[in-house]
């Protein structure tokens, strides 16, 4: 529309922005770009399938066989590494696009409070150090925090937190508000929704 094209946007449902926007958490966090198809997810999923209290359940049916075969092939260390790097960079680029939208006056509730991951186990300090030293941690400038430093940033954290990792500059938005604001700006430019 900015370039002078006549634009019409079709969306299934009762109104503009009701699809994925309503179910989206609005987190823009390159630190969480690891694909679900990864060796550790595969191992955890198999372990969870045999536990009745697991967060994951799957009723095995013959119709799932093609999907499971594709998932197994996709869950290699190399594919997970490459997918993570790609998704991380896409998310970093997206942060710039969201900043630009906010600068234009698109009110999507965008802000950059950072992302804090917390560790509560007995080996919390070691886990936090490993997370910060990972390729993602190094790429994004992650910083290890003590439990007290983490609680000073987020007072709602309990005494169970023993260490944390801060990914500064990561962001969030309100997806429903963003979709409405983008839609209104598009209509102002002559787009038909």
N, C-alpha and C. Protein backbone atom coordinates (compact mmCIF):
# COMPACT_ATOMS: atom_id res chain seq x y z
N UNK A 1 0.83 -1.19 0.00
CA UNK A 1 0.00 0.00 0.00
C UNK A 1 0.88 1.25 0.00
N UNK A 2 1.97 1.21 0.74
CA UNK A 2 2.91 2.35 0.75
C UNK A 2 3.48 2.61 -0.63
N UNK A 3 3.66 1.54 -1.40
CA UNK A 3 4.24 1.67 -2.73
C UNK A 3 3.19 1.99 -3.79
N UNK A 4 1.93 2.17 -3.37
CA UNK A 4 0.89 2.53 -4.31
C UNK A 4 0.05 1.38 -4.82
N UNK A 5 0.29 0.18 -4.35
CA UNK A 5 -0.49 -0.97 -4.81
C UNK A 5 -1.86 -0.97 -4.15
N UNK A 6 -2.82 -1.52 -4.86
CA UNK A 6 -4.15 -1.72 -4.29
C UNK A 6 -4.10 -3.04 -3.52
N UNK A 7 -4.42 -2.99 -2.23
CA UNK A 7 -4.23 -4.17 -1.38
C UNK A 7 -5.55 -4.55 -0.71
N UNK A 8 -5.85 -5.84 -0.75
CA UNK A 8 -6.98 -6.39 -0.02
C UNK A 8 -6.46 -7.60 0.76
N UNK A 9 -6.76 -7.65 2.06
CA UNK A 9 -6.31 -8.74 2.92
C UNK A 9 -7.52 -9.56 3.32
N UNK A 10 -7.45 -10.86 3.07
CA UNK A 10 -8.52 -11.77 3.45
C UNK A 10 -8.08 -12.56 4.67
N UNK A 11 -8.97 -12.67 5.63
CA UNK A 11 -8.66 -13.47 6.81
C UNK A 11 -9.87 -14.29 7.18
N UNK A 12 -9.62 -15.56 7.48
CA UNK A 12 -10.69 -16.45 7.91
C UNK A 12 -11.15 -16.01 9.29
N UNK A 13 -12.44 -16.10 9.54
CA UNK A 13 -12.95 -15.80 10.87
C UNK A 13 -13.79 -14.54 10.89
N UNK A 14 -14.17 -14.17 12.09
CA UNK A 14 -15.10 -13.06 12.27
C UNK A 14 -14.52 -11.67 12.19
N UNK A 15 -13.23 -11.52 12.32
CA UNK A 15 -12.67 -10.18 12.30
C UNK A 15 -11.17 -10.19 12.08
N UNK A 16 -10.65 -9.00 11.87
CA UNK A 16 -9.23 -8.83 11.58
C UNK A 16 -8.37 -9.23 12.78
N UNK A 17 -7.32 -10.00 12.54
CA UNK A 17 -6.34 -10.33 13.55
C UNK A 17 -6.79 -11.35 14.58
N UNK A 18 -7.85 -12.10 14.28
CA UNK A 18 -8.34 -13.04 15.27
C UNK A 18 -7.64 -14.40 15.22
N UNK A 19 -6.92 -14.70 14.20
CA UNK A 19 -6.29 -16.02 14.06
C UNK A 19 -5.24 -16.27 15.13
N UNK A 20 -4.02 -16.45 14.72
CA UNK A 20 -2.93 -16.74 15.66
C UNK A 20 -2.68 -15.60 16.63
N UNK A 21 -3.07 -14.39 16.27
CA UNK A 21 -2.83 -13.25 17.15
C UNK A 21 -3.43 -13.44 18.53
N UNK A 22 -4.58 -14.08 18.59
CA UNK A 22 -5.26 -14.25 19.87
C UNK A 22 -4.58 -15.28 20.75
N UNK A 23 -3.86 -16.22 20.17
CA UNK A 23 -3.23 -17.26 20.96
C UNK A 23 -1.73 -17.07 21.13
N UNK A 24 -1.20 -15.99 20.63
CA UNK A 24 0.23 -15.74 20.64
C UNK A 24 0.63 -15.10 21.96
N UNK A 25 1.74 -15.54 22.53
CA UNK A 25 2.21 -14.97 23.80
C UNK A 25 2.85 -13.61 23.63
N UNK A 26 3.23 -13.24 22.42
CA UNK A 26 3.83 -11.93 22.19
C UNK A 26 5.28 -11.83 22.62
N UNK A 27 5.94 -12.95 22.77
CA UNK A 27 7.34 -12.94 23.18
C UNK A 27 8.24 -12.89 21.95
N UNK A 28 9.18 -11.97 21.96
CA UNK A 28 10.14 -11.81 20.88
C UNK A 28 11.51 -12.08 21.48
N UNK A 29 11.82 -13.36 21.59
CA UNK A 29 12.98 -13.79 22.37
C UNK A 29 13.90 -14.69 21.55
N UNK A 30 14.92 -14.12 20.93
CA UNK A 30 15.87 -14.94 20.18
C UNK A 30 16.52 -16.02 21.03
N UNK A 31 16.55 -15.83 22.34
CA UNK A 31 17.17 -16.84 23.22
C UNK A 31 16.38 -18.14 23.25
N UNK A 32 15.15 -18.12 22.80
CA UNK A 32 14.31 -19.32 22.82
C UNK A 32 13.99 -19.78 21.40
N UNK A 33 14.99 -19.83 20.55
CA UNK A 33 14.81 -20.16 19.15
C UNK A 33 15.06 -21.64 18.84
N UNK A 34 15.31 -22.43 19.84
CA UNK A 34 15.61 -23.85 19.60
C UNK A 34 14.38 -24.55 19.02
N UNK A 35 14.53 -25.25 17.89
CA UNK A 35 13.39 -25.96 17.30
C UNK A 35 12.93 -27.10 18.21
N UNK A 36 11.68 -27.45 18.10
CA UNK A 36 11.15 -28.58 18.86
C UNK A 36 11.74 -29.89 18.32
N UNK A 37 12.04 -29.92 17.04
CA UNK A 37 12.69 -31.11 16.46
C UNK A 37 14.18 -31.03 16.77
N UNK A 38 14.55 -31.53 17.94
CA UNK A 38 15.93 -31.53 18.40
C UNK A 38 16.16 -32.82 19.20
N UNK A 39 17.40 -33.29 19.26
CA UNK A 39 17.65 -34.56 19.97
C UNK A 39 17.16 -34.56 21.42
N UNK A 40 17.37 -33.47 22.13
CA UNK A 40 16.95 -33.44 23.54
C UNK A 40 15.43 -33.47 23.68
N UNK A 41 14.71 -32.88 22.74
CA UNK A 41 13.24 -32.93 22.78
C UNK A 41 12.75 -34.34 22.47
N UNK A 42 13.43 -34.98 21.53
CA UNK A 42 13.08 -36.36 21.19
C UNK A 42 13.27 -37.26 22.41
N UNK A 43 14.43 -37.14 23.07
CA UNK A 43 14.69 -37.96 24.27
C UNK A 43 13.67 -37.68 25.37
N UNK A 44 13.39 -36.40 25.62
CA UNK A 44 12.42 -36.03 26.67
C UNK A 44 11.04 -36.56 26.32
N UNK A 45 10.64 -36.42 25.06
CA UNK A 45 9.32 -36.89 24.64
C UNK A 45 9.14 -38.38 24.82
N UNK A 46 10.18 -39.14 24.49
CA UNK A 46 10.10 -40.59 24.67
C UNK A 46 9.97 -40.92 26.16
N UNK A 47 10.75 -40.23 26.99
CA UNK A 47 10.67 -40.45 28.43
C UNK A 47 9.31 -40.06 29.00
N UNK A 48 8.78 -38.96 28.50
CA UNK A 48 7.48 -38.49 28.99
C UNK A 48 6.34 -39.44 28.61
N UNK A 49 6.48 -40.09 27.47
CA UNK A 49 5.40 -40.96 27.00
C UNK A 49 5.12 -42.11 27.96
N UNK A 50 6.10 -42.51 28.74
CA UNK A 50 5.91 -43.64 29.65
C UNK A 50 5.57 -43.20 31.08
N UNK A 51 5.51 -41.89 31.31
CA UNK A 51 5.19 -41.38 32.64
C UNK A 51 3.76 -40.90 32.69
N UNK A 52 2.95 -41.39 33.64
CA UNK A 52 1.55 -40.95 33.71
C UNK A 52 1.40 -39.48 34.13
N UNK A 53 2.39 -38.91 34.80
CA UNK A 53 2.30 -37.52 35.26
C UNK A 53 3.02 -36.56 34.32
N UNK A 54 3.29 -37.00 33.12
CA UNK A 54 4.08 -36.23 32.17
C UNK A 54 3.32 -35.02 31.61
N UNK A 55 4.07 -33.97 31.18
CA UNK A 55 3.43 -32.82 30.54
C UNK A 55 3.11 -33.07 29.07
N UNK A 56 3.42 -34.27 28.59
CA UNK A 56 3.26 -34.59 27.19
C UNK A 56 2.57 -35.95 27.07
N UNK A 57 1.58 -36.02 26.23
CA UNK A 57 0.91 -37.28 25.98
C UNK A 57 0.67 -37.46 24.50
N UNK A 58 0.78 -38.67 24.05
CA UNK A 58 0.57 -38.95 22.64
C UNK A 58 -0.03 -40.34 22.53
N UNK A 59 -1.20 -40.42 21.94
CA UNK A 59 -1.83 -41.71 21.69
C UNK A 59 -1.32 -42.21 20.35
N UNK A 60 -0.54 -43.27 20.39
CA UNK A 60 0.05 -43.78 19.15
C UNK A 60 -1.02 -44.41 18.28
N UNK A 61 -1.05 -43.95 17.04
CA UNK A 61 -1.99 -44.46 16.04
C UNK A 61 -1.23 -44.63 14.74
N UNK A 62 -1.65 -45.55 13.91
CA UNK A 62 -0.96 -45.74 12.64
C UNK A 62 -0.91 -44.46 11.78
N UNK A 63 -1.92 -43.63 11.88
CA UNK A 63 -1.94 -42.40 11.07
C UNK A 63 -0.83 -41.43 11.46
N UNK A 64 -0.24 -41.59 12.64
CA UNK A 64 0.85 -40.71 13.08
C UNK A 64 2.21 -41.14 12.53
N UNK A 65 2.30 -42.34 11.98
CA UNK A 65 3.58 -42.88 11.53
C UNK A 65 4.33 -41.95 10.57
N UNK A 66 3.69 -41.38 9.53
CA UNK A 66 4.44 -40.49 8.65
C UNK A 66 5.00 -39.26 9.38
N UNK A 67 4.18 -38.66 10.26
CA UNK A 67 4.66 -37.50 11.01
C UNK A 67 5.81 -37.89 11.93
N UNK A 68 5.67 -39.00 12.64
CA UNK A 68 6.74 -39.45 13.54
C UNK A 68 8.03 -39.72 12.78
N UNK A 69 7.94 -40.31 11.60
CA UNK A 69 9.13 -40.58 10.79
C UNK A 69 9.81 -39.26 10.39
N UNK A 70 9.02 -38.27 9.97
CA UNK A 70 9.60 -36.97 9.62
C UNK A 70 10.23 -36.31 10.84
N UNK A 71 9.56 -36.41 12.00
CA UNK A 71 10.09 -35.82 13.23
C UNK A 71 11.42 -36.47 13.61
N UNK A 72 11.49 -37.79 13.51
CA UNK A 72 12.74 -38.50 13.82
C UNK A 72 13.87 -38.04 12.90
N UNK A 73 13.58 -37.94 11.60
CA UNK A 73 14.61 -37.49 10.64
C UNK A 73 15.03 -36.06 10.90
N UNK A 74 14.11 -35.23 11.36
CA UNK A 74 14.41 -33.80 11.59
C UNK A 74 15.13 -33.56 12.91
N UNK A 75 15.11 -34.52 13.81
CA UNK A 75 15.64 -34.32 15.16
C UNK A 75 17.12 -34.66 15.29
N UNK A 76 17.91 -34.26 14.32
CA UNK A 76 19.35 -34.48 14.40
C UNK A 76 20.01 -33.25 15.02
N UNK A 77 21.18 -33.45 15.57
CA UNK A 77 21.91 -32.34 16.18
C UNK A 77 22.22 -31.25 15.14
N UNK A 78 22.62 -31.65 13.95
CA UNK A 78 22.98 -30.67 12.90
C UNK A 78 21.77 -29.84 12.48
N UNK A 79 20.63 -30.51 12.24
CA UNK A 79 19.43 -29.78 11.83
C UNK A 79 18.95 -28.85 12.94
N UNK A 80 19.00 -29.32 14.19
CA UNK A 80 18.58 -28.48 15.30
C UNK A 80 19.48 -27.26 15.43
N UNK A 81 20.79 -27.46 15.28
CA UNK A 81 21.75 -26.35 15.35
C UNK A 81 21.48 -25.32 14.24
N UNK A 82 21.34 -25.81 13.01
CA UNK A 82 21.09 -24.90 11.89
C UNK A 82 19.75 -24.19 12.02
N UNK A 83 18.71 -24.93 12.44
CA UNK A 83 17.39 -24.33 12.63
C UNK A 83 17.40 -23.28 13.73
N UNK A 84 18.12 -23.57 14.80
CA UNK A 84 18.21 -22.60 15.90
C UNK A 84 18.91 -21.32 15.45
N UNK A 85 20.01 -21.47 14.73
CA UNK A 85 20.74 -20.29 14.25
C UNK A 85 19.85 -19.45 13.32
N UNK A 86 19.13 -20.11 12.43
CA UNK A 86 18.25 -19.40 11.50
C UNK A 86 17.12 -18.69 12.24
N UNK A 87 16.45 -19.40 13.15
CA UNK A 87 15.34 -18.79 13.89
C UNK A 87 15.83 -17.66 14.80
N UNK A 88 17.00 -17.82 15.39
CA UNK A 88 17.55 -16.77 16.25
C UNK A 88 17.79 -15.49 15.44
N UNK A 89 18.39 -15.63 14.26
CA UNK A 89 18.65 -14.45 13.43
C UNK A 89 17.36 -13.82 12.91
N UNK A 90 16.39 -14.65 12.55
CA UNK A 90 15.09 -14.14 12.11
C UNK A 90 14.44 -13.33 13.23
N UNK A 91 14.52 -13.85 14.44
CA UNK A 91 13.94 -13.14 15.59
C UNK A 91 14.69 -11.84 15.86
N UNK A 92 16.00 -11.85 15.72
CA UNK A 92 16.78 -10.61 15.92
C UNK A 92 16.39 -9.55 14.88
N UNK A 93 16.23 -9.98 13.64
CA UNK A 93 15.77 -9.06 12.60
C UNK A 93 14.37 -8.55 12.92
N UNK A 94 13.52 -9.43 13.43
CA UNK A 94 12.15 -9.04 13.77
C UNK A 94 12.13 -7.97 14.85
N UNK A 95 13.05 -8.03 15.79
CA UNK A 95 13.11 -6.99 16.83
C UNK A 95 13.27 -5.62 16.18
N UNK A 96 14.12 -5.53 15.18
CA UNK A 96 14.30 -4.26 14.46
C UNK A 96 13.02 -3.83 13.75
N UNK A 97 12.32 -4.79 13.16
CA UNK A 97 11.06 -4.46 12.47
C UNK A 97 10.01 -3.98 13.47
N UNK A 98 9.94 -4.61 14.63
CA UNK A 98 8.99 -4.17 15.65
C UNK A 98 9.34 -2.79 16.18
N UNK A 99 10.64 -2.51 16.37
CA UNK A 99 11.06 -1.17 16.78
C UNK A 99 10.62 -0.14 15.75
N UNK A 100 10.78 -0.47 14.47
CA UNK A 100 10.40 0.45 13.40
C UNK A 100 8.89 0.70 13.42
N UNK A 101 8.10 -0.34 13.62
CA UNK A 101 6.65 -0.16 13.70
C UNK A 101 6.29 0.75 14.88
N UNK A 102 6.91 0.52 16.02
CA UNK A 102 6.64 1.36 17.20
C UNK A 102 7.03 2.81 16.92
N UNK A 103 8.15 3.01 16.24
CA UNK A 103 8.59 4.38 15.91
C UNK A 103 7.62 5.08 14.97
N UNK A 104 6.91 4.29 14.14
CA UNK A 104 5.91 4.85 13.22
C UNK A 104 4.60 5.19 13.93
N UNK A 105 4.48 4.78 15.19
CA UNK A 105 3.25 5.03 15.92
C UNK A 105 2.31 3.85 15.97
N UNK A 106 2.75 2.68 15.50
CA UNK A 106 1.94 1.47 15.60
C UNK A 106 1.98 1.05 17.07
N UNK A 107 0.83 1.10 17.72
CA UNK A 107 0.77 0.80 19.15
C UNK A 107 0.49 -0.68 19.36
N UNK A 108 1.58 -1.43 19.51
CA UNK A 108 1.45 -2.86 19.75
C UNK A 108 1.91 -3.25 21.14
N UNK A 109 2.09 -2.26 22.02
CA UNK A 109 2.55 -2.55 23.36
C UNK A 109 3.97 -3.07 23.39
N UNK A 110 4.78 -2.67 22.42
CA UNK A 110 6.15 -3.17 22.29
C UNK A 110 7.05 -2.57 23.37
N UNK A 111 7.79 -3.42 24.06
CA UNK A 111 8.86 -2.95 24.92
C UNK A 111 9.94 -4.02 25.02
N UNK A 112 11.10 -3.63 25.50
CA UNK A 112 12.27 -4.51 25.53
C UNK A 112 12.76 -4.68 26.97
N UNK A 113 12.04 -5.43 27.79
CA UNK A 113 12.48 -5.61 29.17
C UNK A 113 13.58 -6.66 29.33
N UNK A 114 13.87 -7.40 28.27
CA UNK A 114 14.81 -8.50 28.37
C UNK A 114 14.10 -9.77 28.77
N UNK A 115 14.82 -10.86 28.76
CA UNK A 115 14.27 -12.16 29.15
C UNK A 115 15.16 -12.74 30.24
N UNK A 116 14.54 -13.15 31.30
CA UNK A 116 15.26 -13.72 32.44
C UNK A 116 14.90 -15.19 32.55
N UNK A 117 15.89 -16.06 32.42
CA UNK A 117 15.65 -17.47 32.67
C UNK A 117 16.22 -17.80 34.04
N UNK A 118 15.48 -18.57 34.81
CA UNK A 118 15.90 -18.84 36.18
C UNK A 118 16.19 -20.32 36.37
N UNK A 119 17.07 -20.60 37.31
CA UNK A 119 17.50 -21.97 37.60
C UNK A 119 17.31 -22.22 39.09
N UNK A 120 16.73 -23.39 39.41
CA UNK A 120 16.40 -23.69 40.80
C UNK A 120 17.06 -24.96 41.33
N UNK A 121 17.70 -25.73 40.49
CA UNK A 121 18.26 -27.01 40.93
C UNK A 121 19.51 -26.79 41.78
N UNK A 122 20.00 -27.88 42.34
CA UNK A 122 21.23 -27.83 43.12
C UNK A 122 22.42 -27.39 42.28
N UNK A 123 22.35 -27.63 40.98
CA UNK A 123 23.43 -27.24 40.07
C UNK A 123 23.06 -25.98 39.29
N UNK A 124 22.26 -25.13 39.90
CA UNK A 124 21.74 -23.94 39.21
C UNK A 124 22.85 -23.05 38.65
N UNK A 125 23.88 -22.82 39.44
CA UNK A 125 24.96 -21.94 38.99
C UNK A 125 25.65 -22.52 37.75
N UNK A 126 25.88 -23.83 37.76
CA UNK A 126 26.53 -24.47 36.61
C UNK A 126 25.62 -24.43 35.38
N UNK A 127 24.33 -24.67 35.58
CA UNK A 127 23.39 -24.63 34.45
C UNK A 127 23.31 -23.22 33.87
N UNK A 128 23.27 -22.21 34.72
CA UNK A 128 23.22 -20.83 34.25
C UNK A 128 24.49 -20.48 33.49
N UNK A 129 25.63 -20.90 34.01
CA UNK A 129 26.90 -20.62 33.32
C UNK A 129 26.94 -21.30 31.96
N UNK A 130 26.46 -22.53 31.89
CA UNK A 130 26.43 -23.25 30.60
C UNK A 130 25.49 -22.56 29.62
N UNK A 131 24.33 -22.10 30.09
CA UNK A 131 23.39 -21.40 29.21
C UNK A 131 24.02 -20.12 28.66
N UNK A 132 24.67 -19.36 29.51
CA UNK A 132 25.29 -18.11 29.07
C UNK A 132 26.48 -18.37 28.14
N UNK A 133 27.17 -19.49 28.33
CA UNK A 133 28.33 -19.82 27.51
C UNK A 133 27.96 -20.53 26.21
N UNK A 134 26.69 -20.90 26.05
CA UNK A 134 26.26 -21.59 24.82
C UNK A 134 26.39 -20.64 23.63
N UNK A 135 26.28 -21.21 22.44
CA UNK A 135 26.35 -20.36 21.23
C UNK A 135 25.29 -19.26 21.27
N UNK A 136 24.07 -19.62 21.68
CA UNK A 136 23.01 -18.61 21.78
C UNK A 136 23.36 -17.57 22.83
N UNK A 137 23.82 -18.01 23.99
CA UNK A 137 24.19 -17.07 25.05
C UNK A 137 25.29 -16.12 24.62
N UNK A 138 26.32 -16.66 23.98
CA UNK A 138 27.42 -15.80 23.51
C UNK A 138 26.94 -14.84 22.43
N UNK A 139 26.16 -15.35 21.48
CA UNK A 139 25.67 -14.52 20.38
C UNK A 139 24.82 -13.36 20.89
N UNK A 140 24.02 -13.62 21.92
CA UNK A 140 23.08 -12.61 22.41
C UNK A 140 23.60 -11.82 23.62
N UNK A 141 24.82 -12.09 24.04
CA UNK A 141 25.39 -11.33 25.16
C UNK A 141 24.73 -11.64 26.49
N UNK A 142 24.40 -12.91 26.72
CA UNK A 142 23.75 -13.31 27.97
C UNK A 142 24.68 -13.06 29.16
N UNK A 143 24.05 -12.78 30.29
CA UNK A 143 24.82 -12.49 31.51
C UNK A 143 24.26 -13.33 32.66
N UNK A 144 25.15 -14.01 33.37
CA UNK A 144 24.75 -14.80 34.53
C UNK A 144 24.49 -13.87 35.70
N UNK A 145 23.39 -14.11 36.40
CA UNK A 145 23.04 -13.33 37.59
C UNK A 145 22.96 -14.24 38.81
N UNK A 146 23.31 -13.69 39.94
CA UNK A 146 23.10 -14.42 41.19
C UNK A 146 21.61 -14.42 41.51
N UNK A 147 21.23 -15.22 42.49
CA UNK A 147 19.82 -15.27 42.90
C UNK A 147 19.36 -13.89 43.37
N UNK A 148 20.18 -13.20 44.15
CA UNK A 148 19.81 -11.86 44.64
C UNK A 148 19.67 -10.86 43.50
N UNK A 149 20.56 -10.92 42.52
CA UNK A 149 20.46 -10.02 41.36
C UNK A 149 19.19 -10.30 40.58
N UNK A 150 18.86 -11.57 40.42
CA UNK A 150 17.63 -11.94 39.69
C UNK A 150 16.41 -11.41 40.43
N UNK A 151 16.38 -11.58 41.76
CA UNK A 151 15.22 -11.11 42.54
C UNK A 151 15.14 -9.58 42.55
N UNK A 152 16.27 -8.90 42.43
CA UNK A 152 16.19 -7.43 42.37
C UNK A 152 15.56 -6.99 41.05
N UNK A 153 15.76 -7.77 39.97
CA UNK A 153 15.10 -7.47 38.69
C UNK A 153 13.64 -7.90 38.69
N UNK A 154 13.37 -9.03 39.33
CA UNK A 154 12.01 -9.58 39.37
C UNK A 154 11.68 -10.00 40.80
N UNK A 155 11.10 -9.07 41.57
CA UNK A 155 10.82 -9.35 42.99
C UNK A 155 9.86 -10.51 43.24
N UNK A 156 9.10 -10.94 42.24
CA UNK A 156 8.17 -12.04 42.44
C UNK A 156 8.87 -13.40 42.49
N UNK A 157 10.15 -13.45 42.18
CA UNK A 157 10.87 -14.72 42.24
C UNK A 157 11.01 -15.17 43.69
N UNK A 158 10.89 -16.47 43.88
CA UNK A 158 10.96 -17.03 45.23
C UNK A 158 12.40 -17.36 45.61
N UNK A 159 12.56 -17.80 46.83
CA UNK A 159 13.87 -18.19 47.34
C UNK A 159 14.39 -19.46 46.67
N UNK A 160 13.52 -20.18 45.95
CA UNK A 160 13.97 -21.39 45.23
C UNK A 160 14.95 -21.06 44.11
N UNK A 161 14.90 -19.82 43.59
CA UNK A 161 15.79 -19.43 42.50
C UNK A 161 17.22 -19.30 43.05
N UNK A 162 18.14 -20.01 42.40
CA UNK A 162 19.53 -20.00 42.85
C UNK A 162 20.46 -19.27 41.89
N UNK A 163 20.05 -19.11 40.64
CA UNK A 163 20.85 -18.41 39.63
C UNK A 163 19.92 -18.07 38.47
N UNK A 164 20.38 -17.17 37.61
CA UNK A 164 19.57 -16.77 36.46
C UNK A 164 20.49 -16.32 35.32
N UNK A 165 19.89 -16.21 34.16
CA UNK A 165 20.59 -15.68 32.99
C UNK A 165 19.72 -14.58 32.41
N UNK A 166 20.32 -13.43 32.18
CA UNK A 166 19.62 -12.29 31.60
C UNK A 166 20.01 -12.14 30.14
N UNK A 167 19.00 -12.14 29.28
CA UNK A 167 19.17 -11.83 27.86
C UNK A 167 18.59 -10.43 27.67
N UNK A 168 19.43 -9.42 27.79
CA UNK A 168 18.98 -8.03 27.69
C UNK A 168 18.53 -7.74 26.26
N UNK A 169 17.59 -6.83 26.12
CA UNK A 169 17.16 -6.40 24.79
C UNK A 169 16.11 -7.28 24.15
N UNK A 170 15.74 -8.38 24.78
CA UNK A 170 14.67 -9.18 24.22
C UNK A 170 13.35 -8.49 24.55
N UNK A 171 12.33 -8.79 23.79
CA UNK A 171 11.15 -7.94 23.81
C UNK A 171 9.86 -8.73 23.94
N UNK A 172 8.80 -7.96 24.03
CA UNK A 172 7.44 -8.50 24.06
C UNK A 172 6.51 -7.46 23.43
N UNK A 173 5.35 -7.93 23.05
CA UNK A 173 4.32 -7.04 22.54
C UNK A 173 2.97 -7.63 22.94
N UNK A 174 1.93 -6.88 22.70
CA UNK A 174 0.57 -7.35 22.91
C UNK A 174 0.04 -7.71 21.53
N UNK A 175 0.00 -9.01 21.18
CA UNK A 175 -0.35 -9.39 19.81
C UNK A 175 -1.72 -8.91 19.34
N UNK A 176 -2.71 -8.92 20.22
CA UNK A 176 -4.05 -8.49 19.82
C UNK A 176 -4.04 -6.98 19.54
N UNK A 177 -3.40 -6.23 20.43
CA UNK A 177 -3.28 -4.78 20.23
C UNK A 177 -2.47 -4.47 18.98
N UNK A 178 -1.40 -5.21 18.75
CA UNK A 178 -0.57 -5.01 17.58
C UNK A 178 -1.37 -5.25 16.30
N UNK A 179 -2.11 -6.37 16.25
CA UNK A 179 -2.90 -6.67 15.05
C UNK A 179 -3.93 -5.57 14.79
N UNK A 180 -4.57 -5.08 15.84
CA UNK A 180 -5.56 -4.01 15.67
C UNK A 180 -4.89 -2.74 15.16
N UNK A 181 -3.73 -2.40 15.71
CA UNK A 181 -3.04 -1.18 15.31
C UNK A 181 -2.50 -1.27 13.89
N UNK A 182 -1.95 -2.42 13.52
CA UNK A 182 -1.47 -2.62 12.15
C UNK A 182 -2.65 -2.55 11.19
N UNK A 183 -3.77 -3.18 11.56
CA UNK A 183 -4.97 -3.13 10.71
C UNK A 183 -5.47 -1.72 10.51
N UNK A 184 -5.51 -0.93 11.59
CA UNK A 184 -5.97 0.46 11.48
C UNK A 184 -5.03 1.27 10.59
N UNK A 185 -3.72 1.07 10.75
CA UNK A 185 -2.76 1.81 9.91
C UNK A 185 -2.90 1.40 8.45
N UNK A 186 -3.15 0.11 8.20
CA UNK A 186 -3.34 -0.35 6.83
C UNK A 186 -4.58 0.27 6.21
N UNK A 187 -5.67 0.29 6.97
CA UNK A 187 -6.90 0.90 6.47
C UNK A 187 -6.68 2.37 6.16
N UNK A 188 -5.93 3.07 7.03
CA UNK A 188 -5.59 4.48 6.78
C UNK A 188 -4.84 4.67 5.47
N UNK A 189 -4.12 3.65 5.03
CA UNK A 189 -3.36 3.72 3.77
C UNK A 189 -4.16 3.17 2.59
N UNK A 190 -5.44 2.86 2.83
CA UNK A 190 -6.30 2.44 1.74
C UNK A 190 -6.44 0.94 1.58
N UNK A 191 -5.89 0.16 2.50
CA UNK A 191 -6.01 -1.29 2.42
C UNK A 191 -7.42 -1.69 2.81
N UNK A 192 -7.95 -2.68 2.12
CA UNK A 192 -9.26 -3.22 2.47
C UNK A 192 -9.05 -4.52 3.22
N UNK A 193 -9.56 -4.58 4.45
CA UNK A 193 -9.45 -5.80 5.26
C UNK A 193 -10.77 -6.55 5.17
